[in-house]
Amino acid sequence: MLLRRIARPLFASWFLTEGVDALRSPAPHVAAARAAVDRVGKAAPGARVDVTDEQLTALVRAHGAAVTLAAVALAAGKAPRTAALALAGLTAPLVLVNLPDRAERTPHQKRARRDRLVRSLAFAAGAVLVAADREGRPGLRWRLEDAHERRVAARADEA
């Protein structure tokens, strides 16, 4: 359908830009991830969270590469349901990183973080919807039930 051919690449474009940005300039992403790791360390004092900046940079770049690959697959229409499901899962860390933080003092910082959080949640939900799209084809459950009904009908016809 023409709508899917246009909508999927447009939807994937946000993920693609986020992934490429994390690959090209990981510093702001690492700073946000560092703040999230520090919050986890404060929230759970017994948990040891020892991640160096080099390790965090590698994680941010790996995450960016995975997001980029899944976004390209979705935009190209290659395994779109799997790619969308991967994007939904890969967006979960972004949601955690963008959770509200009491350390932010200015209204502008609070608003910017809230906007990033809402955007991440919205795109994760959209990715789940794309993953659930069967393109008008019946689902696996229906196909199994239909095959069973056909076998039962064929046996009844033979008898």
C-alpha atoms as a PDB file:
ATOM      1  CA  MET A   1       0.000   0.000   0.000  1.00  0.00           C
ATOM      2  CA  LEU A   2       1.236   3.455  -0.892  1.00  0.00           C
ATOM      3  CA  LEU A   3       0.547   4.843   2.585  1.00  0.00           C
ATOM      4  CA  ARG A   4       2.928   2.339   4.214  1.00  0.00           C
ATOM      5  CA  ARG A   5       5.618   3.045   1.626  1.00  0.00           C
ATOM      6  CA  ILE A   6       5.521   6.714   2.557  1.00  0.00           C
ATOM      7  CA  ALA A   7       4.771   6.518   6.282  1.00  0.00           C
ATOM      8  CA  ARG A   8       7.392   3.955   7.295  1.00  0.00           C
ATOM      9  CA  PRO A   9      10.410   5.894   5.977  1.00  0.00           C
ATOM     10  CA  LEU A  10       9.032   9.098   7.483  1.00  0.00           C
ATOM     11  CA  PHE A  11       8.514   7.389  10.823  1.00  0.00           C
ATOM     12  CA  ALA A  12      11.968   5.802  10.667  1.00  0.00           C
ATOM     13  CA  SER A  13      13.607   9.172   9.976  1.00  0.00           C
ATOM     14  CA  TRP A  14      13.500  10.240  13.639  1.00  0.00           C
ATOM     15  CA  PHE A  15      15.166   7.018  14.730  1.00  0.00           C
ATOM     16  CA  LEU A  16      17.720   7.354  11.948  1.00  0.00           C
ATOM     17  CA  THR A  17      18.688  10.887  12.932  1.00  0.00           C
ATOM     18  CA  GLU A  18      18.946   9.902  16.602  1.00  0.00           C
ATOM     19  CA  GLY A  19      21.115   6.876  15.798  1.00  0.00           C
ATOM     20  CA  VAL A  20      23.421   8.761  13.445  1.00  0.00           C
ATOM     21  CA  ASP A  21      23.746  11.600  15.949  1.00  0.00           C
ATOM     22  CA  ALA A  22      24.786   9.127  18.667  1.00  0.00           C
ATOM     23  CA  LEU A  23      27.383   7.672  16.299  1.00  0.00           C
ATOM     24  CA  ARG A  24      28.794  10.992  15.112  1.00  0.00           C
ATOM     25  CA  SER A  25      28.782  12.984  18.335  1.00  0.00           C
ATOM     26  CA  PRO A  26      28.305  10.729  21.333  1.00  0.00           C
ATOM     27  CA  ALA A  27      29.411  13.302  23.949  1.00  0.00           C
ATOM     28  CA  PRO A  28      25.946  14.752  24.769  1.00  0.00           C
ATOM     29  CA  HIS A  29      24.438  11.263  24.772  1.00  0.00           C
ATOM     30  CA  VAL A  30      27.206  10.024  27.080  1.00  0.00           C
ATOM     31  CA  ALA A  31      26.579  12.946  29.448  1.00  0.00           C
ATOM     32  CA  ALA A  32      22.869  12.093  29.614  1.00  0.00           C
ATOM     33  CA  ALA A  33      23.663   8.406  30.081  1.00  0.00           C
ATOM     34  CA  ARG A  34      26.187   9.241  32.805  1.00  0.00           C
ATOM     35  CA  ALA A  35      23.526  11.241  34.658  1.00  0.00           C
ATOM     36  CA  ALA A  36      21.132   8.280  34.403  1.00  0.00           C
ATOM     37  CA  VAL A  37      23.789   5.854  35.659  1.00  0.00           C
ATOM     38  CA  ASP A  38      24.533   8.185  38.575  1.00  0.00           C
ATOM     39  CA  ARG A  39      20.809   8.376  39.419  1.00  0.00           C
ATOM     40  CA  VAL A  40      20.639   4.584  39.466  1.00  0.00           C
ATOM     41  CA  GLY A  41      23.662   4.509  41.767  1.00  0.00           C
ATOM     42  CA  LYS A  42      21.992   6.961  44.157  1.00  0.00           C
ATOM     43  CA  ALA A  43      18.622   5.176  44.038  1.00  0.00           C
ATOM     44  CA  ALA A  44      20.147   1.772  44.772  1.00  0.00           C
ATOM     45  CA  PRO A  45      23.182   2.348  47.008  1.00  0.00           C
ATOM     46  CA  GLY A  46      23.911  -1.383  47.262  1.00  0.00           C
ATOM     47  CA  ALA A  47      24.172  -1.754  43.480  1.00  0.00           C
ATOM     48  CA  ARG A  48      27.624  -1.322  42.006  1.00  0.00           C
ATOM     49  CA  VAL A  49      27.509   0.647  38.809  1.00  0.00           C
ATOM     50  CA  ASP A  50      31.104   1.083  37.700  1.00  0.00           C
ATOM     51  CA  VAL A  51      31.085   2.206  34.088  1.00  0.00           C
ATOM     52  CA  THR A  52      33.966   4.211  32.700  1.00  0.00           C
ATOM     53  CA  ASP A  53      33.428   7.008  30.214  1.00  0.00           C
ATOM     54  CA  GLU A  54      35.086   4.928  27.501  1.00  0.00           C
ATOM     55  CA  GLN A  55      32.694   2.058  28.159  1.00  0.00           C
ATOM     56  CA  LEU A  56      29.738   4.418  28.199  1.00  0.00           C
ATOM     57  CA  THR A  57      30.869   5.961  24.911  1.00  0.00           C
ATOM     58  CA  ALA A  58      31.139   2.507  23.364  1.00  0.00           C
ATOM     59  CA  LEU A  59      27.663   1.621  24.636  1.00  0.00           C
ATOM     60  CA  VAL A  60      26.193   4.851  23.266  1.00  0.00           C
ATOM     61  CA  ARG A  61      27.807   4.258  19.871  1.00  0.00           C
ATOM     62  CA  ALA A  62      26.665   0.614  19.786  1.00  0.00           C
ATOM     63  CA  HIS A  63      23.147   1.716  20.671  1.00  0.00           C
ATOM     64  CA  GLY A  64      23.293   4.372  17.952  1.00  0.00           C
ATOM     65  CA  ALA A  65      24.462   1.805  15.394  1.00  0.00           C
ATOM     66  CA  ALA A  66      21.674  -0.608  16.349  1.00  0.00           C
ATOM     67  CA  VAL A  67      19.058   2.145  16.109  1.00  0.00           C
ATOM     68  CA  THR A  68      20.454   3.246  12.753  1.00  0.00           C
ATOM     69  CA  LEU A  69      20.397  -0.279  11.321  1.00  0.00           C
ATOM     70  CA  ALA A  70      16.860  -0.956  12.527  1.00  0.00           C
ATOM     71  CA  ALA A  71      15.665   2.417  11.182  1.00  0.00           C
ATOM     72  CA  VAL A  72      17.212   1.734   7.776  1.00  0.00           C
ATOM     73  CA  ALA A  73      15.573  -1.702   7.702  1.00  0.00           C
ATOM     74  CA  LEU A  74      12.196  -0.181   8.579  1.00  0.00           C
ATOM     75  CA  ALA A  75      12.553   2.587   6.014  1.00  0.00           C
ATOM     76  CA  ALA A  76      13.555   0.089   3.316  1.00  0.00           C
ATOM     77  CA  GLY A  77      10.695  -2.240   4.213  1.00  0.00           C
ATOM     78  CA  LYS A  78      13.020  -5.145   5.064  1.00  0.00           C
ATOM     79  CA  ALA A  79      11.443  -7.125   7.923  1.00  0.00           C
ATOM     80  CA  PRO A  80       9.488  -4.031   8.991  1.00  0.00           C
ATOM     81  CA  ARG A  81       7.720  -5.669  11.920  1.00  0.00           C
ATOM     82  CA  THR A  82      10.982  -6.987  13.365  1.00  0.00           C
ATOM     83  CA  ALA A  83      12.738  -3.669  12.769  1.00  0.00           C
ATOM     84  CA  ALA A  84       9.914  -1.752  14.451  1.00  0.00           C
ATOM     85  CA  LEU A  85       9.950  -4.094  17.428  1.00  0.00           C
ATOM     86  CA  ALA A  86      13.712  -3.627  17.713  1.00  0.00           C
ATOM     87  CA  LEU A  87      13.261   0.150  17.596  1.00  0.00           C
ATOM     88  CA  ALA A  88      10.636  -0.016  20.338  1.00  0.00           C
ATOM     89  CA  GLY A  89      13.046  -1.983  22.525  1.00  0.00           C
ATOM     90  CA  LEU A  90      15.959   0.281  21.707  1.00  0.00           C
ATOM     91  CA  THR A  91      13.923   3.335  22.692  1.00  0.00           C
ATOM     92  CA  ALA A  92      13.459   2.061  26.264  1.00  0.00           C
ATOM     93  CA  PRO A  93      16.916   3.285  27.389  1.00  0.00           C
ATOM     94  CA  LEU A  94      16.095   6.726  25.960  1.00  0.00           C
ATOM     95  CA  VAL A  95      12.966   6.835  28.092  1.00  0.00           C
ATOM     96  CA  LEU A  96      15.009   5.979  31.186  1.00  0.00           C
ATOM     97  CA  VAL A  97      17.646   8.582  30.390  1.00  0.00           C
ATOM     98  CA  ASN A  98      15.004  11.280  29.911  1.00  0.00           C
ATOM     99  CA  LEU A  99      13.085  10.677  33.136  1.00  0.00           C
ATOM    100  CA  PRO A 100      12.591  13.864  35.178  1.00  0.00           C
ATOM    101  CA  ASP A 101      15.512  14.880  37.346  1.00  0.00           C
ATOM    102  CA  ARG A 102      15.189  17.092  40.420  1.00  0.00           C
ATOM    103  CA  ALA A 103      18.671  18.484  39.850  1.00  0.00           C
ATOM    104  CA  GLU A 104      17.446  20.569  36.936  1.00  0.00           C
ATOM    105  CA  ARG A 105      16.722  24.033  38.197  1.00  0.00           C
ATOM    106  CA  THR A 106      15.558  26.141  35.285  1.00  0.00           C
ATOM    107  CA  PRO A 107      12.120  25.787  33.702  1.00  0.00           C
ATOM    108  CA  HIS A 108      13.797  25.543  30.296  1.00  0.00           C
ATOM    109  CA  GLN A 109      15.804  22.471  31.364  1.00  0.00           C
ATOM    110  CA  LYS A 110      12.719  20.840  32.847  1.00  0.00           C
ATOM    111  CA  ARG A 111      10.673  21.535  29.718  1.00  0.00           C
ATOM    112  CA  ALA A 112      13.408  20.234  27.412  1.00  0.00           C
ATOM    113  CA  ARG A 113      13.733  16.994  29.378  1.00  0.00           C
ATOM    114  CA  ARG A 114       9.948  16.554  29.489  1.00  0.00           C
ATOM    115  CA  ASP A 115       9.747  17.101  25.726  1.00  0.00           C
ATOM    116  CA  ARG A 116      12.465  14.491  25.111  1.00  0.00           C
ATOM    117  CA  LEU A 117      10.688  12.057  27.427  1.00  0.00           C
ATOM    118  CA  VAL A 118       7.314  12.505  25.736  1.00  0.00           C
ATOM    119  CA  ARG A 119       8.915  12.231  22.293  1.00  0.00           C
ATOM    120  CA  SER A 120      10.689   9.003  23.258  1.00  0.00           C
ATOM    121  CA  LEU A 121       7.485   7.533  24.680  1.00  0.00           C
ATOM    122  CA  ALA A 122       5.491   8.541  21.614  1.00  0.00           C
ATOM    123  CA  PHE A 123       7.981   7.047  19.178  1.00  0.00           C
ATOM    124  CA  ALA A 124       8.240   3.847  21.232  1.00  0.00           C
ATOM    125  CA  ALA A 125       4.454   3.518  21.126  1.00  0.00           C
ATOM    126  CA  GLY A 126       4.455   4.233  17.397  1.00  0.00           C
ATOM    127  CA  ALA A 127       7.085   1.555  16.860  1.00  0.00           C
ATOM    128  CA  VAL A 128       4.910  -0.949  18.726  1.00  0.00           C
ATOM    129  CA  LEU A 129       1.995  -0.043  16.456  1.00  0.00           C
ATOM    130  CA  VAL A 130       4.145  -0.494  13.358  1.00  0.00           C
ATOM    131  CA  ALA A 131       5.324  -3.845  14.709  1.00  0.00           C
ATOM    132  CA  ALA A 132       1.701  -4.951  15.131  1.00  0.00           C
ATOM    133  CA  ASP A 133       0.775  -4.001  11.540  1.00  0.00           C
ATOM    134  CA  ARG A 134       0.159  -7.167   9.521  1.00  0.00           C
ATOM    135  CA  GLU A 135      -0.485  -5.269   6.305  1.00  0.00           C
ATOM    136  CA  GLY A 136      -3.989  -6.719   6.024  1.00  0.00           C
ATOM    137  CA  ARG A 137      -2.810 -10.314   6.233  1.00  0.00           C
ATOM    138  CA  PRO A 138      -4.260 -12.621   8.849  1.00  0.00           C
ATOM    139  CA  GLY A 139      -2.292 -13.346  11.975  1.00  0.00           C
ATOM    140  CA  LEU A 140      -0.660 -16.627  12.906  1.00  0.00           C
ATOM    141  CA  ARG A 141      -3.492 -17.630  15.243  1.00  0.00           C
ATOM    142  CA  TRP A 142      -6.126 -17.179  12.553  1.00  0.00           C
ATOM    143  CA  ARG A 143      -4.038 -19.133  10.029  1.00  0.00           C
ATOM    144  CA  LEU A 144      -3.600 -22.029  12.460  1.00  0.00           C
ATOM    145  CA  GLU A 145      -7.314 -22.109  13.286  1.00  0.00           C
ATOM    146  CA  ASP A 146      -8.217 -21.911   9.598  1.00  0.00           C
ATOM    147  CA  ALA A 147      -5.886 -24.795   8.749  1.00  0.00           C
ATOM    148  CA  HIS A 148      -7.399 -26.860  11.545  1.00  0.00           C
ATOM    149  CA  GLU A 149     -10.933 -26.114  10.337  1.00  0.00           C
ATOM    150  CA  ARG A 150      -9.973 -27.085   6.787  1.00  0.00           C
ATOM    151  CA  ARG A 151      -8.548 -30.406   7.990  1.00  0.00           C
ATOM    152  CA  VAL A 152     -11.681 -31.126  10.019  1.00  0.00           C
ATOM    153  CA  ALA A 153     -13.869 -30.258   7.015  1.00  0.00           C
ATOM    154  CA  ALA A 154     -11.751 -32.435   4.706  1.00  0.00           C
ATOM    155  CA  ARG A 155     -12.093 -35.404   7.083  1.00  0.00           C
ATOM    156  CA  ALA A 156     -15.853 -34.856   7.291  1.00  0.00           C
ATOM    157  CA  ASP A 157     -16.098 -34.815   3.488  1.00  0.00           C
ATOM    158  CA  GLU A 158     -14.137 -38.083   3.265  1.00  0.00           C
ATOM    159  CA  ALA A 159     -16.435 -39.823   5.714  1.00  0.00           C
END
